[in-house]
Amino acid sequence: MREVHKRKSNSLKEIILNNIYENLKSYIIVAIIFIIGIVIGVIFINNTNNNQAEEIQSYINNFVNSLKQDYHIDKIELMKKSIGDNLILIISMWFIGSTVIGIPIVLGIIAFRGFCIGYTVASIIGTLGVQKGLIFLFSTIFLQNLIFIPVILCMAVSCIKLYKSIMKDKRRENIKIEIIRHTLMSIMLLLILVIASLVEVYISSNLLMLCIKIF
């Protein structure tokens, strides 16, 4: 049993490493675009005017205060929303990527996701300070994003790979095969995002309720 499990683990590891190796340039490009999005988000929040900064700080402080007052997190609703958001994201990227000409939009989605993370991190640290801000971020968005970020980067690379394959061989049969591969990859990534949703709802939310006591 151990040998079978070890072989499966090794084969999965080989599949992941081969995928990265075969699409290394695409991964680098997508990662750079994502990082640029993060940087823009941080720069944006650092250049907001006083009124906007006060509104952001007020929103975050009100949220923290509501958590302190025995705020109840509806985990079922949170789970539904998290899975629903991930489902919409994957379907959107699958559809846009399948149109081939939608690659710039896919890259735009990656940049926007990076922007959102940069904006969120900068806002929370700017409001709560470095120490409390990092604790808050770890208990709210860090764990699920360890899964979420690689998944959306992999999804974007799958879209790019589909584009390259179709441009290389425009036969109808090849297009069908590549779209099927892209679809199977999308389904697999969606299932992985369900794990991210579970982490968000049942681990991060509990960590948040524990950590909020120190604020």
N, C-alpha and C. Protein backbone atom coordinates (compact mmCIF):
# COMPACT_ATOMS: atom_id res chain seq x y z
N MET A 1 0.83 -1.21 0.00
CA MET A 1 0.00 0.00 0.00
C MET A 1 0.87 1.27 0.00
N ARG A 2 1.93 1.22 0.82
CA ARG A 2 2.81 2.38 0.90
C ARG A 2 3.50 2.64 -0.44
N GLU A 3 3.89 1.54 -1.11
CA GLU A 3 4.56 1.68 -2.41
C GLU A 3 3.63 2.26 -3.44
N VAL A 4 2.35 1.82 -3.43
CA VAL A 4 1.35 2.35 -4.37
C VAL A 4 1.12 3.81 -4.11
N HIS A 5 0.98 4.17 -2.83
CA HIS A 5 0.76 5.58 -2.46
C HIS A 5 1.95 6.44 -2.86
N LYS A 6 3.16 5.86 -2.66
CA LYS A 6 4.38 6.60 -3.01
C LYS A 6 4.46 6.82 -4.52
N ARG A 7 4.08 5.79 -5.28
CA ARG A 7 4.10 5.93 -6.75
C ARG A 7 3.12 6.99 -7.22
N LYS A 8 1.92 6.99 -6.61
CA LYS A 8 0.91 7.99 -6.97
C LYS A 8 1.40 9.40 -6.64
N SER A 9 2.04 9.54 -5.48
CA SER A 9 2.57 10.84 -5.07
C SER A 9 3.65 11.31 -6.02
N ASN A 10 4.53 10.36 -6.39
CA ASN A 10 5.61 10.70 -7.32
C ASN A 10 5.08 11.07 -8.69
N SER A 11 4.06 10.32 -9.16
CA SER A 11 3.48 10.61 -10.48
C SER A 11 2.79 11.97 -10.49
N LEU A 12 2.09 12.29 -9.40
CA LEU A 12 1.44 13.60 -9.30
C LEU A 12 2.49 14.71 -9.29
N LYS A 13 3.56 14.47 -8.54
CA LYS A 13 4.64 15.45 -8.47
C LYS A 13 5.28 15.64 -9.84
N GLU A 14 5.46 14.54 -10.56
CA GLU A 14 6.06 14.61 -11.90
C GLU A 14 5.16 15.36 -12.87
N ILE A 15 3.85 15.12 -12.76
CA ILE A 15 2.89 15.83 -13.63
C ILE A 15 2.97 17.33 -13.40
N ILE A 16 3.00 17.74 -12.12
CA ILE A 16 3.05 19.16 -11.77
C ILE A 16 4.36 19.77 -12.26
N LEU A 17 5.47 19.09 -11.99
CA LEU A 17 6.78 19.61 -12.39
C LEU A 17 6.91 19.68 -13.92
N ASN A 18 6.40 18.68 -14.61
CA ASN A 18 6.44 18.69 -16.08
C ASN A 18 5.61 19.83 -16.65
N ASN A 19 4.44 20.05 -16.02
CA ASN A 19 3.58 21.14 -16.47
C ASN A 19 4.27 22.49 -16.31
N ILE A 20 4.95 22.67 -15.18
CA ILE A 20 5.67 23.92 -14.94
C ILE A 20 6.83 24.06 -15.92
N TYR A 21 7.57 22.96 -16.12
CA TYR A 21 8.74 23.00 -17.01
C TYR A 21 8.34 23.29 -18.45
N GLU A 22 7.27 22.63 -18.92
CA GLU A 22 6.83 22.81 -20.30
C GLU A 22 6.25 24.20 -20.56
N ASN A 23 5.73 24.82 -19.51
CA ASN A 23 5.08 26.14 -19.68
C ASN A 23 5.77 27.20 -18.83
N LEU A 24 7.07 27.04 -18.62
CA LEU A 24 7.79 27.92 -17.70
C LEU A 24 7.69 29.39 -18.09
N LYS A 25 7.85 29.69 -19.39
CA LYS A 25 7.78 31.09 -19.84
C LYS A 25 6.41 31.68 -19.55
N SER A 26 5.37 30.89 -19.79
CA SER A 26 4.01 31.37 -19.53
C SER A 26 3.79 31.62 -18.04
N TYR A 27 4.30 30.73 -17.21
CA TYR A 27 4.18 30.91 -15.75
C TYR A 27 4.90 32.17 -15.30
N ILE A 28 6.08 32.41 -15.87
CA ILE A 28 6.85 33.61 -15.51
C ILE A 28 6.09 34.87 -15.90
N ILE A 29 5.55 34.87 -17.12
CA ILE A 29 4.80 36.04 -17.61
C ILE A 29 3.57 36.30 -16.72
N VAL A 30 2.82 35.25 -16.44
CA VAL A 30 1.61 35.38 -15.62
C VAL A 30 1.96 35.84 -14.20
N ALA A 31 3.03 35.27 -13.64
CA ALA A 31 3.45 35.65 -12.29
C ALA A 31 3.88 37.12 -12.24
N ILE A 32 4.59 37.57 -13.27
CA ILE A 32 5.01 38.98 -13.32
C ILE A 32 3.80 39.90 -13.39
N ILE A 33 2.83 39.55 -14.21
CA ILE A 33 1.61 40.36 -14.34
C ILE A 33 0.87 40.40 -13.00
N PHE A 34 0.82 39.27 -12.31
CA PHE A 34 0.17 39.21 -11.00
C PHE A 34 0.89 40.11 -10.00
N ILE A 35 2.22 40.05 -9.99
CA ILE A 35 3.01 40.88 -9.07
C ILE A 35 2.84 42.36 -9.39
N ILE A 36 2.80 42.68 -10.68
CA ILE A 36 2.57 44.07 -11.09
C ILE A 36 1.22 44.55 -10.54
N GLY A 37 0.21 43.68 -10.61
CA GLY A 37 -1.11 44.01 -10.06
C GLY A 37 -1.03 44.30 -8.57
N ILE A 38 -0.27 43.48 -7.84
CA ILE A 38 -0.10 43.71 -6.40
C ILE A 38 0.56 45.06 -6.13
N VAL A 39 1.62 45.34 -6.87
CA VAL A 39 2.35 46.60 -6.69
C VAL A 39 1.45 47.80 -6.97
N ILE A 40 0.66 47.71 -8.05
CA ILE A 40 -0.26 48.80 -8.38
C ILE A 40 -1.29 48.99 -7.27
N GLY A 41 -1.78 47.87 -6.70
CA GLY A 41 -2.74 47.96 -5.60
C GLY A 41 -2.15 48.66 -4.40
N VAL A 42 -0.90 48.35 -4.06
CA VAL A 42 -0.22 48.99 -2.92
C VAL A 42 0.00 50.48 -3.20
N ILE A 43 0.47 50.79 -4.42
CA ILE A 43 0.71 52.19 -4.79
C ILE A 43 -0.60 52.97 -4.76
N PHE A 44 -1.67 52.34 -5.25
CA PHE A 44 -2.98 53.01 -5.29
C PHE A 44 -3.44 53.39 -3.88
N ILE A 45 -3.35 52.45 -2.95
CA ILE A 45 -3.83 52.72 -1.60
C ILE A 45 -2.95 53.75 -0.89
N ASN A 46 -1.66 53.76 -1.25
CA ASN A 46 -0.74 54.72 -0.62
C ASN A 46 -0.88 56.12 -1.19
N ASN A 47 -1.61 56.25 -2.30
CA ASN A 47 -1.79 57.56 -2.92
C ASN A 47 -3.24 58.05 -2.87
N THR A 48 -4.04 57.43 -2.02
CA THR A 48 -5.43 57.89 -1.86
C THR A 48 -5.44 59.18 -1.06
N ASN A 49 -6.45 60.00 -1.32
CA ASN A 49 -6.55 61.25 -0.56
C ASN A 49 -7.04 60.98 0.86
N ASN A 50 -7.04 61.99 1.69
CA ASN A 50 -7.36 61.83 3.10
C ASN A 50 -8.78 61.30 3.32
N ASN A 51 -9.73 61.79 2.54
CA ASN A 51 -11.13 61.35 2.70
C ASN A 51 -11.28 59.87 2.38
N GLN A 52 -10.67 59.43 1.30
CA GLN A 52 -10.74 58.02 0.93
C GLN A 52 -10.04 57.14 1.96
N ALA A 53 -8.89 57.62 2.46
CA ALA A 53 -8.14 56.86 3.47
C ALA A 53 -8.96 56.71 4.74
N GLU A 54 -9.64 57.78 5.13
CA GLU A 54 -10.47 57.74 6.34
C GLU A 54 -11.65 56.78 6.18
N GLU A 55 -12.23 56.77 4.99
CA GLU A 55 -13.35 55.85 4.72
C GLU A 55 -12.90 54.40 4.81
N ILE A 56 -11.73 54.11 4.25
CA ILE A 56 -11.19 52.74 4.29
C ILE A 56 -10.89 52.33 5.73
N GLN A 57 -10.23 53.23 6.47
CA GLN A 57 -9.90 52.94 7.86
C GLN A 57 -11.16 52.75 8.70
N SER A 58 -12.16 53.57 8.44
CA SER A 58 -13.43 53.47 9.18
C SER A 58 -14.11 52.13 8.89
N TYR A 59 -14.08 51.71 7.64
CA TYR A 59 -14.71 50.44 7.26
C TYR A 59 -14.01 49.27 7.96
N ILE A 60 -12.68 49.27 7.93
CA ILE A 60 -11.92 48.17 8.55
C ILE A 60 -12.12 48.16 10.06
N ASN A 61 -12.07 49.33 10.68
CA ASN A 61 -12.25 49.41 12.14
C ASN A 61 -13.65 48.97 12.55
N ASN A 62 -14.64 49.35 11.77
CA ASN A 62 -16.02 48.94 12.07
C ASN A 62 -16.17 47.42 11.94
N PHE A 63 -15.50 46.86 10.93
CA PHE A 63 -15.56 45.40 10.74
C PHE A 63 -14.91 44.68 11.92
N VAL A 64 -13.75 45.17 12.35
CA VAL A 64 -13.05 44.56 13.49
C VAL A 64 -13.90 44.68 14.75
N ASN A 65 -14.49 45.83 14.97
CA ASN A 65 -15.34 46.04 16.15
C ASN A 65 -16.56 45.13 16.14
N SER A 66 -17.13 44.91 14.95
CA SER A 66 -18.30 44.02 14.86
C SER A 66 -17.92 42.58 15.20
N LEU A 67 -16.70 42.19 14.85
CA LEU A 67 -16.22 40.85 15.19
C LEU A 67 -16.00 40.70 16.69
N LYS A 68 -15.57 41.76 17.32
CA LYS A 68 -15.35 41.73 18.77
C LYS A 68 -16.66 41.56 19.53
N GLN A 69 -17.74 42.02 18.95
CA GLN A 69 -19.03 41.99 19.63
C GLN A 69 -19.79 40.69 19.33
N ASP A 70 -19.08 39.57 19.44
CA ASP A 70 -19.68 38.24 19.24
C ASP A 70 -20.41 38.12 17.91
N TYR A 71 -19.77 38.65 16.88
CA TYR A 71 -20.34 38.56 15.53
C TYR A 71 -20.40 37.09 15.09
N HIS A 72 -21.55 36.68 14.59
CA HIS A 72 -21.73 35.29 14.17
C HIS A 72 -21.47 35.16 12.67
N ILE A 73 -20.55 34.26 12.32
CA ILE A 73 -20.25 34.00 10.91
C ILE A 73 -21.10 32.84 10.43
N ASP A 74 -21.95 33.12 9.46
CA ASP A 74 -22.80 32.07 8.88
C ASP A 74 -21.94 31.26 7.90
N LYS A 75 -21.44 30.14 8.36
CA LYS A 75 -20.49 29.36 7.56
C LYS A 75 -21.11 28.76 6.31
N ILE A 76 -22.38 28.42 6.39
CA ILE A 76 -23.05 27.85 5.22
C ILE A 76 -23.15 28.89 4.11
N GLU A 77 -23.57 30.10 4.49
CA GLU A 77 -23.68 31.18 3.51
C GLU A 77 -22.32 31.57 2.97
N LEU A 78 -21.32 31.61 3.87
CA LEU A 78 -19.96 31.95 3.45
C LEU A 78 -19.43 30.91 2.48
N MET A 79 -19.74 29.63 2.75
CA MET A 79 -19.31 28.55 1.86
C MET A 79 -19.96 28.69 0.49
N LYS A 80 -21.26 28.95 0.48
CA LYS A 80 -21.98 29.12 -0.78
C LYS A 80 -21.39 30.26 -1.60
N LYS A 81 -21.13 31.39 -0.92
CA LYS A 81 -20.59 32.56 -1.61
C LYS A 81 -19.19 32.29 -2.15
N SER A 82 -18.35 31.65 -1.32
CA SER A 82 -16.97 31.37 -1.73
C SER A 82 -16.93 30.44 -2.93
N ILE A 83 -17.69 29.34 -2.87
CA ILE A 83 -17.72 28.40 -4.00
C ILE A 83 -18.34 29.05 -5.22
N GLY A 84 -19.40 29.84 -5.01
CA GLY A 84 -20.05 30.53 -6.13
C GLY A 84 -19.11 31.50 -6.83
N ASP A 85 -18.36 32.27 -6.05
CA ASP A 85 -17.40 33.22 -6.62
C ASP A 85 -16.31 32.49 -7.41
N ASN A 86 -15.81 31.39 -6.84
CA ASN A 86 -14.77 30.61 -7.52
C ASN A 86 -15.30 29.96 -8.79
N LEU A 87 -16.54 29.51 -8.73
CA LEU A 87 -17.17 28.90 -9.91
C LEU A 87 -17.30 29.91 -11.04
N ILE A 88 -17.76 31.11 -10.71
CA ILE A 88 -17.89 32.17 -11.71
C ILE A 88 -16.53 32.53 -12.30
N LEU A 89 -15.52 32.60 -11.43
CA LEU A 89 -14.17 32.96 -11.89
C LEU A 89 -13.63 31.92 -12.87
N ILE A 90 -13.72 30.65 -12.50
CA ILE A 90 -13.18 29.59 -13.36
C ILE A 90 -13.94 29.49 -14.68
N ILE A 91 -15.28 29.56 -14.61
CA ILE A 91 -16.08 29.49 -15.84
C ILE A 91 -15.76 30.67 -16.75
N SER A 92 -15.62 31.85 -16.15
CA SER A 92 -15.30 33.05 -16.94
C SER A 92 -13.95 32.90 -17.64
N MET A 93 -12.95 32.45 -16.87
CA MET A 93 -11.61 32.29 -17.46
C MET A 93 -11.60 31.17 -18.50
N TRP A 94 -12.37 30.10 -18.22
CA TRP A 94 -12.46 29.01 -19.20
C TRP A 94 -13.06 29.51 -20.51
N PHE A 95 -14.17 30.22 -20.41
CA PHE A 95 -14.86 30.70 -21.61
C PHE A 95 -14.02 31.71 -22.37
N ILE A 96 -13.49 32.70 -21.65
CA ILE A 96 -12.69 33.75 -22.30
C ILE A 96 -11.44 33.15 -22.92
N GLY A 97 -10.79 32.22 -22.19
CA GLY A 97 -9.60 31.58 -22.71
C GLY A 97 -9.87 30.71 -23.91
N SER A 98 -11.08 30.12 -23.96
CA SER A 98 -11.45 29.25 -25.08
C SER A 98 -11.72 30.02 -26.36
N THR A 99 -11.94 31.33 -26.25
CA THR A 99 -12.18 32.14 -27.44
C THR A 99 -10.89 32.50 -28.15
N VAL A 100 -9.74 32.17 -27.49
CA VAL A 100 -8.41 32.41 -28.04
C VAL A 100 -8.07 33.91 -28.03
N ILE A 101 -8.93 34.74 -28.59
CA ILE A 101 -8.64 36.19 -28.64
C ILE A 101 -8.83 36.83 -27.27
N GLY A 102 -9.29 36.05 -26.30
CA GLY A 102 -9.56 36.61 -24.98
C GLY A 102 -8.38 36.55 -24.03
N ILE A 103 -7.19 36.15 -24.51
CA ILE A 103 -6.01 36.05 -23.66
C ILE A 103 -5.69 37.36 -22.94
N PRO A 104 -5.74 38.53 -23.60
CA PRO A 104 -5.49 39.78 -22.87
C PRO A 104 -6.47 39.99 -21.72
N ILE A 105 -7.71 39.55 -21.89
CA ILE A 105 -8.70 39.68 -20.81
C ILE A 105 -8.32 38.76 -19.65
N VAL A 106 -7.89 37.55 -19.96
CA VAL A 106 -7.44 36.61 -18.92
C VAL A 106 -6.29 37.22 -18.12
N LEU A 107 -5.33 37.79 -18.81
CA LEU A 107 -4.20 38.43 -18.15
C LEU A 107 -4.66 39.65 -17.34
N GLY A 108 -5.69 40.32 -17.85
CA GLY A 108 -6.27 41.44 -17.11
C GLY A 108 -6.90 40.98 -15.80
N ILE A 109 -7.55 39.81 -15.83
CA ILE A 109 -8.15 39.24 -14.62
C ILE A 109 -7.06 38.92 -13.60
N ILE A 110 -5.94 38.37 -14.08
CA ILE A 110 -4.82 38.06 -13.19
C ILE A 110 -4.28 39.34 -12.55
N ALA A 111 -4.11 40.38 -13.35
CA ALA A 111 -3.61 41.66 -12.83
C ALA A 111 -4.58 42.24 -11.81
N PHE A 112 -5.88 42.13 -12.10
CA PHE A 112 -6.89 42.66 -11.19
C PHE A 112 -6.89 41.92 -9.87
N ARG A 113 -6.73 40.59 -9.93
CA ARG A 113 -6.66 39.80 -8.69
C ARG A 113 -5.45 40.21 -7.87
N GLY A 114 -4.33 40.44 -8.54
CA GLY A 114 -3.14 40.93 -7.85
C GLY A 114 -3.39 42.29 -7.23
N PHE A 115 -4.06 43.15 -7.98
CA PHE A 115 -4.40 44.49 -7.48
C PHE A 115 -5.24 44.40 -6.22
N CYS A 116 -6.24 43.52 -6.22
CA CYS A 116 -7.13 43.36 -5.06
C CYS A 116 -6.35 42.91 -3.82
N ILE A 117 -5.41 41.99 -4.02
CA ILE A 117 -4.62 41.51 -2.89
C ILE A 117 -3.70 42.61 -2.37
N GLY A 118 -3.03 43.32 -3.28
CA GLY A 118 -2.17 44.43 -2.88
C GLY A 118 -2.95 45.52 -2.17
N TYR A 119 -4.12 45.84 -2.68
CA TYR A 119 -5.00 46.86 -2.09
C TYR A 119 -5.43 46.44 -0.69
N THR A 120 -5.84 45.17 -0.55
CA THR A 120 -6.32 44.68 0.74
C THR A 120 -5.21 44.67 1.78
N VAL A 121 -4.05 44.14 1.40
CA VAL A 121 -2.91 44.06 2.32
C VAL A 121 -2.48 45.45 2.78
N ALA A 122 -2.33 46.37 1.84
CA ALA A 122 -1.90 47.73 2.17
C ALA A 122 -2.93 48.45 3.04
N SER A 123 -4.22 48.23 2.76
CA SER A 123 -5.28 48.88 3.53
C SER A 123 -5.28 48.41 4.98
N ILE A 124 -5.18 47.10 5.16
CA ILE A 124 -5.25 46.53 6.51
C ILE A 124 -4.02 46.89 7.33
N ILE A 125 -2.83 46.79 6.72
CA ILE A 125 -1.61 47.15 7.45
C ILE A 125 -1.59 48.65 7.75
N GLY A 126 -2.08 49.46 6.81
CA GLY A 126 -2.14 50.90 7.02
C GLY A 126 -3.10 51.28 8.14
N THR A 127 -4.12 50.49 8.34
CA THR A 127 -5.12 50.79 9.37
C THR A 127 -4.76 50.19 10.73
N LEU A 128 -4.34 48.93 10.74
CA LEU A 128 -4.11 48.21 11.99
C LEU A 128 -2.65 48.21 12.44
N GLY A 129 -1.75 48.65 11.56
CA GLY A 129 -0.33 48.58 11.88
C GLY A 129 0.26 47.27 11.38
N VAL A 130 1.58 47.19 11.37
CA VAL A 130 2.24 46.02 10.78
C VAL A 130 1.94 44.74 11.56
N GLN A 131 2.13 44.76 12.88
CA GLN A 131 1.99 43.53 13.66
C GLN A 131 0.56 43.01 13.64
N LYS A 132 -0.38 43.86 14.05
CA LYS A 132 -1.79 43.43 14.07
C LYS A 132 -2.31 43.18 12.66
N GLY A 133 -1.83 43.98 11.72
CA GLY A 133 -2.27 43.82 10.33
C GLY A 133 -1.87 42.47 9.76
N LEU A 134 -0.63 42.05 10.03
CA LEU A 134 -0.16 40.75 9.54
C LEU A 134 -0.91 39.60 10.19
N ILE A 135 -1.21 39.75 11.49
CA ILE A 135 -1.98 38.72 12.19
C ILE A 135 -3.39 38.63 11.59
N PHE A 136 -3.98 39.77 11.34
CA PHE A 136 -5.33 39.82 10.75
C PHE A 136 -5.33 39.20 9.35
N LEU A 137 -4.33 39.54 8.56
CA LEU A 137 -4.24 39.00 7.21
C LEU A 137 -4.01 37.49 7.21
N PHE A 138 -3.17 37.02 8.13
CA PHE A 138 -2.91 35.59 8.22
C PHE A 138 -4.18 34.82 8.56
N SER A 139 -5.00 35.40 9.43
CA SER A 139 -6.21 34.71 9.88
C SER A 139 -7.40 34.88 8.94
N THR A 140 -7.28 35.75 7.96
CA THR A 140 -8.41 35.99 7.06
C THR A 140 -8.17 35.53 5.62
N ILE A 141 -7.04 35.89 5.03
CA ILE A 141 -6.87 35.62 3.60
C ILE A 141 -5.64 34.80 3.24
N PHE A 142 -4.71 34.62 4.18
CA PHE A 142 -3.43 34.01 3.83
C PHE A 142 -3.55 32.55 3.42
N LEU A 143 -4.20 31.75 4.26
CA LEU A 143 -4.21 30.30 4.05
C LEU A 143 -4.89 29.90 2.74
N GLN A 144 -6.10 30.45 2.50
CA GLN A 144 -6.81 30.07 1.27
C GLN A 144 -6.11 30.60 0.03
N ASN A 145 -5.38 31.71 0.19
CA ASN A 145 -4.67 32.25 -0.97
C ASN A 145 -3.43 31.46 -1.32
N LEU A 146 -2.94 30.65 -0.39
CA LEU A 146 -1.85 29.72 -0.72
C LEU A 146 -2.31 28.71 -1.77
N ILE A 147 -3.61 28.46 -1.78
CA ILE A 147 -4.20 27.56 -2.79
C ILE A 147 -4.72 28.37 -3.97
N PHE A 148 -5.42 29.47 -3.67
CA PHE A 148 -6.11 30.25 -4.69
C PHE A 148 -5.16 30.84 -5.74
N ILE A 149 -4.06 31.44 -5.27
CA ILE A 149 -3.16 32.12 -6.20
C ILE A 149 -2.51 31.16 -7.20
N PRO A 150 -1.93 30.04 -6.76
CA PRO A 150 -1.38 29.10 -7.75
C PRO A 150 -2.43 28.58 -8.74
N VAL A 151 -3.67 28.41 -8.24
CA VAL A 151 -4.73 27.89 -9.11
C VAL A 151 -5.06 28.87 -10.23
N ILE A 152 -5.23 30.15 -9.90
CA ILE A 152 -5.59 31.11 -10.96
C ILE A 152 -4.42 31.34 -11.91
N LEU A 153 -3.19 31.24 -11.40
CA LEU A 153 -2.03 31.36 -12.29
C LEU A 153 -1.99 30.17 -13.24
N CYS A 154 -2.27 28.98 -12.70
CA CYS A 154 -2.29 27.77 -13.52
C CYS A 154 -3.43 27.85 -14.55
N MET A 155 -4.56 28.41 -14.16
CA MET A 155 -5.69 28.55 -15.07
C MET A 155 -5.32 29.49 -16.23
N ALA A 156 -4.65 30.58 -15.91
CA ALA A 156 -4.23 31.52 -16.95
C ALA A 156 -3.24 30.85 -17.91
N VAL A 157 -2.32 30.06 -17.36
CA VAL A 157 -1.35 29.35 -18.19
C VAL A 157 -2.06 28.34 -19.09
N SER A 158 -3.09 27.69 -18.58
CA SER A 158 -3.87 26.75 -19.39
C SER A 158 -4.52 27.47 -20.57
N CYS A 159 -4.99 28.69 -20.34
CA CYS A 159 -5.58 29.49 -21.42
C CYS A 159 -4.52 29.83 -22.47
N ILE A 160 -3.34 30.21 -22.01
CA ILE A 160 -2.25 30.55 -22.93
C ILE A 160 -1.82 29.32 -23.71
N LYS A 161 -1.74 28.18 -23.03
CA LYS A 161 -1.35 26.94 -23.69
C LYS A 161 -2.36 26.56 -24.78
N LEU A 162 -3.65 26.75 -24.49
CA LEU A 162 -4.69 26.49 -25.48
C LEU A 162 -4.49 27.38 -26.70
N TYR A 163 -4.23 28.65 -26.46
CA TYR A 163 -4.01 29.61 -27.55
C TYR A 163 -2.82 29.18 -28.43
N LYS A 164 -1.71 28.84 -27.78
CA LYS A 164 -0.51 28.45 -28.52
C LYS A 164 -0.75 27.17 -29.34
N SER A 165 -1.46 26.22 -28.74
CA SER A 165 -1.71 24.94 -29.41
C SER A 165 -2.59 25.12 -30.65
N ILE A 166 -3.60 25.97 -30.50
CA ILE A 166 -4.51 26.21 -31.63
C ILE A 166 -3.80 26.99 -32.74
N MET A 167 -2.97 27.96 -32.36
CA MET A 167 -2.23 28.74 -33.36
C MET A 167 -1.22 27.86 -34.10
N LYS A 168 -0.71 26.85 -33.40
CA LYS A 168 0.27 25.96 -34.00
C LYS A 168 -0.38 24.97 -34.95
N ASP A 169 -1.58 24.51 -34.58
CA ASP A 169 -2.29 23.52 -35.40
C ASP A 169 -3.78 23.85 -35.39
N LYS A 170 -4.27 24.44 -36.50
CA LYS A 170 -5.64 24.94 -36.55
C LYS A 170 -6.64 23.92 -37.09
N ARG A 171 -6.25 22.68 -37.15
CA ARG A 171 -7.19 21.66 -37.58
C ARG A 171 -8.31 21.51 -36.55
N ARG A 172 -9.51 21.23 -37.04
CA ARG A 172 -10.67 21.12 -36.17
C ARG A 172 -10.48 20.04 -35.09
N GLU A 173 -9.90 18.93 -35.48
CA GLU A 173 -9.69 17.84 -34.52
C GLU A 173 -8.76 18.28 -33.39
N ASN A 174 -7.70 18.98 -33.75
CA ASN A 174 -6.76 19.46 -32.74
C ASN A 174 -7.42 20.47 -31.81
N ILE A 175 -8.23 21.37 -32.38
CA ILE A 175 -8.92 22.37 -31.56
C ILE A 175 -9.83 21.70 -30.54
N LYS A 176 -10.56 20.66 -30.98
CA LYS A 176 -11.45 19.94 -30.08
C LYS A 176 -10.66 19.29 -28.94
N ILE A 177 -9.55 18.65 -29.29
CA ILE A 177 -8.72 17.97 -28.29
C ILE A 177 -8.18 18.98 -27.26
N GLU A 178 -7.69 20.11 -27.76
CA GLU A 178 -7.11 21.11 -26.86
C GLU A 178 -8.17 21.75 -25.96
N ILE A 179 -9.35 21.96 -26.49
CA ILE A 179 -10.43 22.52 -25.66
C ILE A 179 -10.86 21.53 -24.59
N ILE A 180 -10.88 20.25 -24.94
CA ILE A 180 -11.20 19.21 -23.95
C ILE A 180 -10.15 19.20 -22.84
N ARG A 181 -8.89 19.28 -23.22
CA ARG A 181 -7.82 19.32 -22.22
C ARG A 181 -7.96 20.55 -21.32
N HIS A 182 -8.23 21.67 -21.94
CA HIS A 182 -8.42 22.93 -21.20
C HIS A 182 -9.61 22.81 -20.25
N THR A 183 -10.67 22.16 -20.70
CA THR A 183 -11.86 21.97 -19.88
C THR A 183 -11.58 21.07 -18.69
N LEU A 184 -10.87 19.97 -18.93
CA LEU A 184 -10.52 19.04 -17.85
C LEU A 184 -9.62 19.72 -16.81
N MET A 185 -8.69 20.52 -17.29
CA MET A 185 -7.82 21.27 -16.38
C MET A 185 -8.65 22.25 -15.55
N SER A 186 -9.61 22.91 -16.18
CA SER A 186 -10.47 23.87 -15.49
C SER A 186 -11.29 23.19 -14.40
N ILE A 187 -11.82 22.00 -14.70
CA ILE A 187 -12.61 21.25 -13.72
C ILE A 187 -11.74 20.85 -12.53
N MET A 188 -10.52 20.39 -12.82
CA MET A 188 -9.61 19.99 -11.76
C MET A 188 -9.26 21.18 -10.86
N LEU A 189 -9.00 22.32 -11.48
CA LEU A 189 -8.66 23.52 -10.72
C LEU A 189 -9.85 24.02 -9.90
N LEU A 190 -11.05 23.87 -10.44
CA LEU A 190 -12.24 24.25 -9.70
C LEU A 190 -12.40 23.40 -8.45
N LEU A 191 -12.13 22.11 -8.58
CA LEU A 191 -12.21 21.21 -7.43
C LEU A 191 -11.18 21.59 -6.36
N ILE A 192 -10.02 22.02 -6.81
CA ILE A 192 -8.99 22.47 -5.87
C ILE A 192 -9.44 23.74 -5.16
N LEU A 193 -10.14 24.61 -5.89
CA LEU A 193 -10.65 25.84 -5.28
C LEU A 193 -11.73 25.55 -4.24
N VAL A 194 -12.43 24.43 -4.39
CA VAL A 194 -13.39 24.03 -3.35
C VAL A 194 -12.65 23.78 -2.04
N ILE A 195 -11.44 23.22 -2.13
CA ILE A 195 -10.61 23.02 -0.94
C ILE A 195 -10.25 24.37 -0.33
N ALA A 196 -9.92 25.35 -1.21
CA ALA A 196 -9.61 26.70 -0.73
C ALA A 196 -10.81 27.30 0.00
N SER A 197 -12.01 27.04 -0.50
CA SER A 197 -13.23 27.52 0.14
C SER A 197 -13.42 26.88 1.51
N LEU A 198 -13.14 25.59 1.60
CA LEU A 198 -13.22 24.88 2.88
C LEU A 198 -12.23 25.46 3.89
N VAL A 199 -11.04 25.76 3.42
CA VAL A 199 -10.02 26.37 4.29
C VAL A 199 -10.50 27.73 4.78
N GLU A 200 -11.05 28.51 3.85
CA GLU A 200 -11.54 29.85 4.20
C GLU A 200 -12.64 29.79 5.25
N VAL A 201 -13.58 28.87 5.07
CA VAL A 201 -14.77 28.81 5.93
C VAL A 201 -14.48 28.15 7.28
N TYR A 202 -13.75 27.05 7.26
CA TYR A 202 -13.63 26.25 8.48
C TYR A 202 -12.29 26.40 9.20
N ILE A 203 -11.32 27.01 8.57
CA ILE A 203 -10.04 27.24 9.25
C ILE A 203 -9.80 28.73 9.46
N SER A 204 -9.83 29.50 8.37
CA SER A 204 -9.55 30.93 8.47
C SER A 204 -10.56 31.66 9.36
N SER A 205 -11.85 31.32 9.21
CA SER A 205 -12.87 32.01 10.01
C SER A 205 -12.70 31.72 11.50
N ASN A 206 -12.33 30.48 11.83
CA ASN A 206 -12.09 30.13 13.24
C ASN A 206 -10.83 30.81 13.77
N LEU A 207 -9.79 30.89 12.93
CA LEU A 207 -8.57 31.60 13.32
C LEU A 207 -8.87 33.08 13.56
N LEU A 208 -9.71 33.64 12.71
CA LEU A 208 -10.07 35.05 12.83
C LEU A 208 -10.75 35.32 14.16
N MET A 209 -11.68 34.45 14.54
CA MET A 209 -12.42 34.65 15.80
C MET A 209 -11.50 34.49 17.00
N LEU A 210 -10.45 33.69 16.86
CA LEU A 210 -9.48 33.55 17.95
C LEU A 210 -8.53 34.77 18.02
N CYS A 211 -8.07 35.19 16.83
CA CYS A 211 -7.11 36.29 16.78
C CYS A 211 -7.72 37.65 17.08
N ILE A 212 -9.01 37.78 16.83
CA ILE A 212 -9.66 39.09 16.98
C ILE A 212 -9.63 39.56 18.42
N LYS A 213 -9.44 38.63 19.35
CA LYS A 213 -9.42 38.99 20.77
C LYS A 213 -8.23 39.86 21.13
N ILE A 214 -7.18 39.80 20.34
CA ILE A 214 -5.98 40.59 20.67
C ILE A 214 -6.08 42.02 20.15
N PHE A 215 -7.09 42.32 19.34
CA PHE A 215 -7.20 43.67 18.76
C PHE A 215 -7.89 44.61 19.73
